[in-house]
Amino acid sequence: MAYKLARVLDEIKFTKRENGKVLNVGTVHTFQGKEAKIVYFVLGADSDSSGAARWAVSDPNMMNVAATRAKEEFYIIGNKKLYGSLGSEVANKTISIIDDYIR
């Protein structure tokens, strides 16, 4: 997902590279210990890959690492209906927080 996302973002000149290595697009683990003004957390799954989606929200540490990298803005991009249907405490709590914020 990170590789494909970087390739698409190359087209709009979003990716930053140093010696060919992408610096601003990667997995959650890539950014552990780093900070950014804005973080986009992309949950790239659809109903055909619900197992991968379940894995992505099975450990609260993944969401915590993603969210705490952001110093000003944090965006989650994903299929809300899919993640809400997984029975994941992490996903349900996150969706609840987002819904409360929107109201």
N, C-alpha and C. Protein backbone atom coordinates (compact mmCIF):
# COMPACT_ATOMS: atom_id res chain seq x y z
N MET A 1 0.82 -1.19 0.00
CA MET A 1 0.00 0.00 0.00
C MET A 1 0.87 1.25 0.00
N ALA A 2 1.87 1.29 0.86
CA ALA A 2 2.73 2.47 0.95
C ALA A 2 3.46 2.71 -0.37
N TYR A 3 3.95 1.65 -0.99
CA TYR A 3 4.66 1.78 -2.26
C TYR A 3 3.74 2.35 -3.35
N LYS A 4 2.54 1.76 -3.45
CA LYS A 4 1.59 2.23 -4.47
C LYS A 4 1.15 3.65 -4.20
N LEU A 5 0.93 3.99 -2.94
CA LEU A 5 0.53 5.35 -2.59
C LEU A 5 1.63 6.34 -2.96
N ALA A 6 2.87 6.00 -2.68
CA ALA A 6 3.99 6.88 -3.03
C ALA A 6 4.06 7.09 -4.54
N ARG A 7 3.81 6.04 -5.31
CA ARG A 7 3.85 6.17 -6.77
C ARG A 7 2.77 7.12 -7.27
N VAL A 8 1.57 6.99 -6.71
CA VAL A 8 0.47 7.88 -7.11
C VAL A 8 0.78 9.32 -6.69
N LEU A 9 1.30 9.48 -5.49
CA LEU A 9 1.61 10.83 -5.00
C LEU A 9 2.79 11.46 -5.72
N ASP A 10 3.64 10.64 -6.32
CA ASP A 10 4.73 11.16 -7.17
C ASP A 10 4.15 12.00 -8.31
N GLU A 11 3.02 11.56 -8.83
CA GLU A 11 2.40 12.24 -9.97
C GLU A 11 2.00 13.67 -9.66
N ILE A 12 1.70 13.96 -8.40
CA ILE A 12 1.33 15.34 -8.03
C ILE A 12 2.46 16.02 -7.25
N LYS A 13 3.64 15.43 -7.34
CA LYS A 13 4.85 15.99 -6.72
C LYS A 13 4.73 16.14 -5.20
N PHE A 14 4.03 15.19 -4.55
CA PHE A 14 3.84 15.22 -3.10
C PHE A 14 4.99 14.55 -2.35
N THR A 15 5.50 13.47 -2.94
CA THR A 15 6.54 12.72 -2.23
C THR A 15 7.85 13.49 -2.19
N LYS A 16 8.52 13.33 -1.06
CA LYS A 16 9.85 13.92 -0.89
C LYS A 16 10.83 12.76 -0.88
N ARG A 17 11.91 12.91 -1.63
CA ARG A 17 12.89 11.83 -1.73
C ARG A 17 14.29 12.35 -1.42
N GLU A 18 15.09 11.43 -0.89
CA GLU A 18 16.50 11.70 -0.66
C GLU A 18 17.26 10.46 -1.09
N ASN A 19 18.15 10.62 -2.05
CA ASN A 19 18.89 9.48 -2.61
C ASN A 19 17.93 8.38 -3.07
N GLY A 20 16.81 8.77 -3.66
CA GLY A 20 15.83 7.82 -4.18
C GLY A 20 14.88 7.25 -3.15
N LYS A 21 15.14 7.50 -1.88
CA LYS A 21 14.29 6.95 -0.81
C LYS A 21 13.17 7.94 -0.48
N VAL A 22 11.94 7.42 -0.43
CA VAL A 22 10.78 8.25 -0.08
C VAL A 22 10.84 8.56 1.41
N LEU A 23 10.73 9.84 1.75
CA LEU A 23 10.84 10.26 3.15
C LEU A 23 9.51 10.52 3.83
N ASN A 24 8.48 10.84 3.08
CA ASN A 24 7.22 11.26 3.70
C ASN A 24 6.03 10.35 3.43
N VAL A 25 6.27 9.15 2.92
CA VAL A 25 5.21 8.17 2.70
C VAL A 25 5.78 6.82 3.11
N GLY A 26 5.04 6.08 3.94
CA GLY A 26 5.50 4.76 4.36
C GLY A 26 4.52 4.13 5.31
N THR A 27 4.93 3.03 5.89
CA THR A 27 4.07 2.35 6.85
C THR A 27 4.11 3.06 8.20
N VAL A 28 3.21 2.71 9.07
CA VAL A 28 3.20 3.28 10.42
C VAL A 28 4.56 3.07 11.07
N HIS A 29 5.11 1.88 10.91
CA HIS A 29 6.39 1.56 11.54
C HIS A 29 7.52 2.43 11.02
N THR A 30 7.43 2.87 9.77
CA THR A 30 8.44 3.74 9.18
C THR A 30 8.57 5.04 9.97
N PHE A 31 7.46 5.50 10.50
CA PHE A 31 7.43 6.82 11.14
C PHE A 31 7.46 6.77 12.66
N GLN A 32 7.63 5.58 13.22
CA GLN A 32 7.71 5.48 14.67
C GLN A 32 8.91 6.29 15.15
N GLY A 33 8.67 7.18 16.12
CA GLY A 33 9.73 8.02 16.66
C GLY A 33 9.92 9.32 15.90
N LYS A 34 9.18 9.52 14.81
CA LYS A 34 9.28 10.75 14.03
C LYS A 34 8.00 11.55 14.21
N GLU A 35 8.04 12.83 13.89
CA GLU A 35 6.87 13.68 13.99
C GLU A 35 6.63 14.39 12.67
N ALA A 36 5.39 14.81 12.47
CA ALA A 36 5.02 15.58 11.29
C ALA A 36 3.89 16.53 11.65
N LYS A 37 3.82 17.64 10.96
CA LYS A 37 2.76 18.61 11.20
C LYS A 37 1.40 17.97 10.87
N ILE A 38 1.35 17.27 9.75
CA ILE A 38 0.11 16.62 9.30
C ILE A 38 0.40 15.16 9.00
N VAL A 39 -0.49 14.28 9.44
CA VAL A 39 -0.36 12.85 9.16
C VAL A 39 -1.66 12.36 8.51
N TYR A 40 -1.50 11.65 7.40
CA TYR A 40 -2.61 10.97 6.74
C TYR A 40 -2.42 9.48 7.00
N PHE A 41 -3.35 8.88 7.70
CA PHE A 41 -3.31 7.45 8.02
C PHE A 41 -4.23 6.76 7.03
N VAL A 42 -3.66 6.08 6.05
CA VAL A 42 -4.43 5.47 4.97
C VAL A 42 -4.64 3.98 5.27
N LEU A 43 -5.88 3.62 5.45
CA LEU A 43 -6.27 2.23 5.68
C LEU A 43 -6.78 1.68 4.36
N GLY A 44 -5.89 1.16 3.56
CA GLY A 44 -6.23 0.73 2.22
C GLY A 44 -6.76 -0.68 2.17
N ALA A 45 -8.04 -0.84 2.42
CA ALA A 45 -8.65 -2.17 2.35
C ALA A 45 -10.08 -2.02 1.85
N ASP A 46 -10.58 -3.09 1.27
CA ASP A 46 -11.98 -3.13 0.86
C ASP A 46 -12.59 -4.42 1.40
N SER A 47 -13.83 -4.67 1.06
CA SER A 47 -14.52 -5.84 1.61
C SER A 47 -13.85 -7.16 1.22
N ASP A 48 -13.09 -7.17 0.12
CA ASP A 48 -12.37 -8.38 -0.29
C ASP A 48 -11.12 -8.63 0.55
N SER A 49 -10.72 -7.63 1.32
CA SER A 49 -9.51 -7.79 2.15
C SER A 49 -9.82 -7.47 3.61
N SER A 50 -10.93 -7.99 4.10
CA SER A 50 -11.34 -7.70 5.47
C SER A 50 -10.36 -8.29 6.49
N GLY A 51 -9.66 -9.35 6.13
CA GLY A 51 -8.65 -9.92 7.03
C GLY A 51 -7.52 -8.94 7.26
N ALA A 52 -7.06 -8.30 6.19
CA ALA A 52 -6.01 -7.29 6.30
C ALA A 52 -6.52 -6.08 7.08
N ALA A 53 -7.76 -5.72 6.85
CA ALA A 53 -8.36 -4.59 7.57
C ALA A 53 -8.44 -4.91 9.06
N ARG A 54 -8.84 -6.11 9.39
CA ARG A 54 -8.95 -6.53 10.79
C ARG A 54 -7.57 -6.47 11.45
N TRP A 55 -6.55 -6.93 10.76
CA TRP A 55 -5.19 -6.90 11.28
C TRP A 55 -4.75 -5.45 11.56
N ALA A 56 -5.07 -4.54 10.65
CA ALA A 56 -4.63 -3.15 10.79
C ALA A 56 -5.19 -2.47 12.04
N VAL A 57 -6.34 -2.93 12.50
CA VAL A 57 -6.95 -2.31 13.68
C VAL A 57 -7.03 -3.29 14.86
N SER A 58 -6.23 -4.34 14.81
CA SER A 58 -6.27 -5.32 15.90
C SER A 58 -5.43 -4.89 17.09
N ASP A 59 -4.45 -4.06 16.85
CA ASP A 59 -3.53 -3.63 17.91
C ASP A 59 -3.66 -2.12 18.09
N PRO A 60 -4.07 -1.66 19.28
CA PRO A 60 -4.21 -0.22 19.48
C PRO A 60 -2.91 0.54 19.27
N ASN A 61 -1.79 -0.14 19.36
CA ASN A 61 -0.50 0.52 19.19
C ASN A 61 -0.36 1.13 17.79
N MET A 62 -0.89 0.46 16.77
CA MET A 62 -0.80 0.99 15.40
C MET A 62 -1.49 2.34 15.31
N MET A 63 -2.71 2.43 15.82
CA MET A 63 -3.45 3.68 15.78
C MET A 63 -2.75 4.73 16.64
N ASN A 64 -2.26 4.32 17.79
CA ASN A 64 -1.57 5.24 18.69
C ASN A 64 -0.32 5.83 18.04
N VAL A 65 0.49 4.99 17.42
CA VAL A 65 1.69 5.47 16.76
C VAL A 65 1.32 6.44 15.64
N ALA A 66 0.32 6.07 14.84
CA ALA A 66 -0.10 6.95 13.74
C ALA A 66 -0.59 8.29 14.26
N ALA A 67 -1.45 8.26 15.24
CA ALA A 67 -2.04 9.50 15.75
C ALA A 67 -1.02 10.39 16.46
N THR A 68 -0.12 9.80 17.19
CA THR A 68 0.82 10.61 17.97
C THR A 68 1.97 11.15 17.13
N ARG A 69 2.09 10.76 15.88
CA ARG A 69 3.08 11.37 14.98
C ARG A 69 2.63 12.76 14.57
N ALA A 70 1.32 12.98 14.54
CA ALA A 70 0.74 14.24 14.07
C ALA A 70 0.81 15.30 15.17
N LYS A 71 1.39 16.43 14.83
CA LYS A 71 1.48 17.52 15.81
C LYS A 71 0.34 18.51 15.67
N GLU A 72 -0.26 18.62 14.50
CA GLU A 72 -1.35 19.57 14.31
C GLU A 72 -2.61 18.95 13.72
N GLU A 73 -2.45 18.11 12.72
CA GLU A 73 -3.62 17.54 12.05
C GLU A 73 -3.41 16.05 11.81
N PHE A 74 -4.50 15.28 11.99
CA PHE A 74 -4.47 13.84 11.78
C PHE A 74 -5.70 13.44 10.98
N TYR A 75 -5.49 12.81 9.84
CA TYR A 75 -6.58 12.38 8.98
C TYR A 75 -6.55 10.88 8.82
N ILE A 76 -7.71 10.25 8.87
CA ILE A 76 -7.82 8.81 8.60
C ILE A 76 -8.59 8.65 7.31
N ILE A 77 -8.00 7.93 6.39
CA ILE A 77 -8.63 7.67 5.10
C ILE A 77 -8.89 6.17 5.02
N GLY A 78 -10.15 5.81 4.92
CA GLY A 78 -10.49 4.40 4.87
C GLY A 78 -11.99 4.21 4.73
N ASN A 79 -12.40 3.00 4.61
CA ASN A 79 -13.79 2.64 4.43
C ASN A 79 -14.45 2.51 5.82
N LYS A 80 -15.13 3.55 6.25
CA LYS A 80 -15.72 3.58 7.59
C LYS A 80 -16.70 2.42 7.81
N LYS A 81 -17.49 2.12 6.81
CA LYS A 81 -18.46 1.02 6.94
C LYS A 81 -17.73 -0.32 7.15
N LEU A 82 -16.68 -0.56 6.38
CA LEU A 82 -15.91 -1.80 6.52
C LEU A 82 -15.29 -1.89 7.91
N TYR A 83 -14.59 -0.85 8.33
CA TYR A 83 -13.90 -0.90 9.63
C TYR A 83 -14.89 -0.95 10.79
N GLY A 84 -16.04 -0.34 10.62
CA GLY A 84 -17.06 -0.40 11.66
C GLY A 84 -17.70 -1.76 11.78
N SER A 85 -17.60 -2.58 10.75
CA SER A 85 -18.23 -3.91 10.75
C SER A 85 -17.31 -5.02 11.26
N LEU A 86 -16.08 -4.69 11.60
CA LEU A 86 -15.09 -5.72 11.95
C LEU A 86 -15.18 -6.22 13.38
N GLY A 87 -15.89 -5.49 14.23
CA GLY A 87 -15.95 -5.87 15.63
C GLY A 87 -14.67 -5.53 16.38
N SER A 88 -13.92 -4.60 15.86
CA SER A 88 -12.65 -4.20 16.47
C SER A 88 -12.89 -3.07 17.47
N GLU A 89 -12.40 -3.26 18.68
CA GLU A 89 -12.54 -2.21 19.70
C GLU A 89 -11.80 -0.94 19.26
N VAL A 90 -10.64 -1.11 18.65
CA VAL A 90 -9.86 0.04 18.19
C VAL A 90 -10.63 0.82 17.13
N ALA A 91 -11.16 0.11 16.14
CA ALA A 91 -11.91 0.77 15.06
C ALA A 91 -13.18 1.42 15.61
N ASN A 92 -13.92 0.70 16.44
CA ASN A 92 -15.17 1.24 16.96
C ASN A 92 -14.94 2.47 17.83
N LYS A 93 -13.92 2.45 18.66
CA LYS A 93 -13.60 3.60 19.51
C LYS A 93 -13.19 4.79 18.65
N THR A 94 -12.36 4.55 17.63
CA THR A 94 -11.92 5.62 16.73
C THR A 94 -13.10 6.23 15.99
N ILE A 95 -13.98 5.39 15.48
CA ILE A 95 -15.16 5.88 14.76
C ILE A 95 -16.05 6.68 15.71
N SER A 96 -16.21 6.22 16.94
CA SER A 96 -17.00 6.94 17.94
C SER A 96 -16.42 8.33 18.21
N ILE A 97 -15.12 8.42 18.35
CA ILE A 97 -14.46 9.71 18.59
C ILE A 97 -14.68 10.64 17.40
N ILE A 98 -14.53 10.11 16.20
CA ILE A 98 -14.74 10.92 14.99
C ILE A 98 -16.19 11.40 14.93
N ASP A 99 -17.13 10.50 15.17
CA ASP A 99 -18.55 10.87 15.13
C ASP A 99 -18.87 11.94 16.17
N ASP A 100 -18.32 11.81 17.38
CA ASP A 100 -18.55 12.81 18.41
C ASP A 100 -17.96 14.16 18.02
N TYR A 101 -16.82 14.14 17.37
CA TYR A 101 -16.16 15.38 16.95
C TYR A 101 -16.96 16.09 15.87
N ILE A 102 -17.55 15.31 14.96
CA ILE A 102 -18.31 15.87 13.84
C ILE A 102 -19.58 16.55 14.33
N ARG A 103 -20.20 15.99 15.39
CA ARG A 103 -21.46 16.55 15.89
C ARG A 103 -21.25 17.86 16.48
